[in-house]
Amino acid sequence: MSIFSDRLAELRKKRGLTQQQIADELNVNRVTYTNWEKGNREPSFEKLLLLAKYLETTTDDLLGRSVLSIDTVPLPITSFDFSQIENIPLEQYPNLKQAIVLEYMRHGTRSTQLLQEITKKYHLNKQQIKLLKEIIEDTKSAFVNEF
């Protein structure tokens, strides 16, 4: 089991929800959800964001991490291939969020400007833009929650 799978099961039980209820809400098969709780599989970024919203928590809480975590060396935003944003491994999600925060801090970039720059540079499609918007919003809320 991983921190993620443990937290997922803990939060579900704390809220009195069944695996089937969450699976239905996320539009996934119950077996898929069960595999997330068992640590056999991991959800996509999109499903991780939906899980956090549905369970009224943050993705950082689900992953057992902090956007300001000091146990990792921050990667520059250029380390990520946003043209494949939906395929970035889940364990890289905290690093991606740190990179977004660093980009804000280094360049004073606004979230809308950052979104436009990445969209243009990587020629993102509508689904990728939607996912990037959700990641940026999740990053902003996680950063605010740290203070």
Protein backbone atom coordinates (compact mmCIF):
# COMPACT_ATOMS: atom_id res chain seq x y z
CA MET A 1 0.00 0.00 0.00
CA SER A 2 1.08 3.57 -0.64
CA ILE A 3 0.37 6.79 1.18
CA PHE A 4 -2.11 7.64 -1.57
CA SER A 5 -4.05 4.37 -1.31
CA ASP A 6 -4.10 4.56 2.50
CA ARG A 7 -5.32 8.19 2.47
CA LEU A 8 -7.93 7.40 -0.17
CA ALA A 9 -9.44 4.56 1.87
CA GLU A 10 -9.23 6.59 5.08
CA LEU A 11 -11.02 9.62 3.60
CA ARG A 12 -13.70 7.47 1.96
CA LYS A 13 -14.47 5.67 5.21
CA LYS A 14 -14.36 8.90 7.22
CA ARG A 15 -17.09 10.31 4.96
CA GLY A 16 -19.17 7.13 5.13
CA LEU A 17 -18.93 6.47 1.40
CA THR A 18 -18.75 3.16 -0.41
CA GLN A 19 -16.26 2.35 -3.12
CA GLN A 20 -19.18 2.09 -5.54
CA GLN A 21 -20.43 5.60 -4.68
CA ILE A 22 -17.05 7.15 -5.43
CA ALA A 23 -16.61 5.03 -8.55
CA ASP A 24 -20.01 6.19 -9.81
CA GLU A 25 -19.21 9.83 -9.04
CA LEU A 26 -15.93 9.62 -10.98
CA ASN A 27 -17.45 7.59 -13.79
CA VAL A 28 -15.09 4.65 -13.32
CA ASN A 29 -15.63 0.96 -12.69
CA ARG A 30 -15.69 -0.07 -9.02
CA VAL A 31 -12.83 -2.51 -9.67
CA THR A 32 -10.75 0.39 -10.98
CA TYR A 33 -11.44 2.36 -7.81
CA THR A 34 -10.70 -0.68 -5.63
CA ASN A 35 -7.34 -1.04 -7.37
CA TRP A 36 -6.53 2.57 -6.42
CA GLU A 37 -7.28 1.81 -2.76
CA LYS A 38 -5.23 -1.39 -2.87
CA GLY A 39 -2.30 0.42 -4.45
CA ASN A 40 -2.40 -1.75 -7.58
CA ARG A 41 -3.12 1.16 -9.90
CA GLU A 42 -3.06 4.94 -9.83
CA PRO A 43 -5.65 7.36 -11.16
CA SER A 44 -4.93 9.85 -13.91
CA PHE A 45 -4.30 13.49 -13.01
CA GLU A 46 -7.84 14.27 -14.02
CA LYS A 47 -9.29 11.60 -11.71
CA LEU A 48 -6.94 12.66 -8.89
CA LEU A 49 -8.29 16.20 -9.12
CA LEU A 50 -11.87 14.91 -9.12
CA LEU A 51 -11.15 12.67 -6.13
CA ALA A 52 -9.75 15.59 -4.15
CA LYS A 53 -12.81 17.72 -4.93
CA TYR A 54 -15.28 14.94 -4.15
CA LEU A 55 -13.54 14.03 -0.88
CA GLU A 56 -13.23 17.73 0.03
CA THR A 57 -9.46 17.65 0.39
CA THR A 58 -6.39 18.59 -1.62
CA THR A 59 -4.34 16.49 -3.97
CA ASP A 60 -1.38 17.15 -1.69
CA ASP A 61 -3.28 15.61 1.21
CA LEU A 62 -4.22 12.58 -0.91
CA LEU A 63 -0.61 12.11 -1.99
CA GLY A 64 0.79 12.76 1.47
CA ARG A 65 2.85 15.66 0.23
CA SER A 66 3.08 19.40 0.53
CA VAL A 67 3.51 21.87 -2.31
CA LEU A 68 6.28 23.41 -0.20
CA SER A 69 7.91 20.07 0.58
CA ILE A 70 11.63 20.37 1.28
CA ASP A 71 12.45 16.72 0.66
CA THR A 72 12.66 17.17 -3.11
CA VAL A 73 14.79 19.30 -5.38
CA PRO A 74 12.42 21.53 -7.36
CA LEU A 75 12.43 20.91 -11.10
CA PRO A 76 12.09 23.74 -13.59
CA ILE A 77 8.81 23.95 -15.43
CA THR A 78 10.68 23.13 -18.66
CA SER A 79 11.29 19.62 -17.26
CA PHE A 80 7.71 18.69 -18.06
CA ASP A 81 6.33 17.83 -21.48
CA PHE A 82 2.95 19.52 -21.34
CA SER A 83 2.01 18.09 -24.74
CA GLN A 84 1.70 14.80 -22.82
CA ILE A 85 0.26 16.30 -19.64
CA GLU A 86 -2.34 13.58 -19.23
CA ASN A 87 0.47 10.97 -19.20
CA ILE A 88 2.79 12.54 -16.63
CA PRO A 89 3.23 9.90 -13.89
CA LEU A 90 1.22 10.56 -10.76
CA GLU A 91 4.34 10.54 -8.58
CA GLN A 92 5.55 13.56 -10.58
CA TYR A 93 2.43 15.59 -9.75
CA PRO A 94 3.91 17.23 -6.61
CA ASN A 95 7.03 18.14 -8.63
CA LEU A 96 4.85 19.69 -11.33
CA LYS A 97 3.03 21.75 -8.71
CA GLN A 98 6.33 22.92 -7.24
CA ALA A 99 7.52 23.90 -10.72
CA ILE A 100 4.35 25.96 -11.25
CA VAL A 101 4.87 27.74 -7.91
CA LEU A 102 8.51 28.44 -8.80
CA GLU A 103 7.46 29.83 -12.17
CA TYR A 104 5.08 32.22 -10.41
CA MET A 105 7.78 33.30 -7.98
CA ARG A 106 10.60 33.67 -10.50
CA HIS A 107 8.75 35.57 -13.16
CA GLY A 108 5.75 37.04 -11.39
CA THR A 109 3.66 35.22 -13.96
CA ARG A 110 -0.10 35.30 -13.50
CA SER A 111 -1.93 32.00 -13.82
CA THR A 112 -3.73 33.11 -16.99
CA GLN A 113 -0.45 34.19 -18.55
CA LEU A 114 1.24 30.91 -17.59
CA LEU A 115 -1.67 28.96 -19.05
CA GLN A 116 -1.47 30.91 -22.32
CA GLU A 117 2.30 30.48 -22.59
CA ILE A 118 2.18 26.72 -22.03
CA THR A 119 -0.83 26.30 -24.34
CA LYS A 120 0.95 28.13 -27.14
CA LYS A 121 4.34 26.47 -26.67
CA TYR A 122 2.98 22.92 -26.55
CA HIS A 123 -0.06 23.32 -28.85
CA LEU A 124 -2.42 21.90 -26.25
CA ASN A 125 -5.84 20.59 -27.21
CA LYS A 126 -9.03 21.54 -25.33
CA GLN A 127 -8.85 18.56 -22.96
CA GLN A 128 -5.21 19.29 -22.12
CA ILE A 129 -6.00 22.97 -21.53
CA LYS A 130 -8.85 21.99 -19.19
CA LEU A 131 -6.54 19.66 -17.27
CA LEU A 132 -3.80 22.29 -17.05
CA LYS A 133 -6.33 24.85 -15.73
CA GLU A 134 -7.40 22.38 -13.05
CA ILE A 135 -3.78 21.67 -12.10
CA ILE A 136 -3.00 25.39 -11.84
CA GLU A 137 -6.10 25.99 -9.69
CA ASP A 138 -5.21 23.01 -7.50
CA THR A 139 -1.67 24.37 -7.14
CA LYS A 140 -2.94 27.82 -6.18
CA SER A 141 -5.32 26.42 -3.56
CA ALA A 142 -2.64 24.10 -2.13
CA PHE A 143 -0.19 26.98 -1.88
CA VAL A 144 -2.75 29.17 -0.12
CA ASN A 145 -3.60 26.31 2.27
CA GLU A 146 0.05 26.12 3.34
CA PHE A 147 -0.25 29.54 4.98
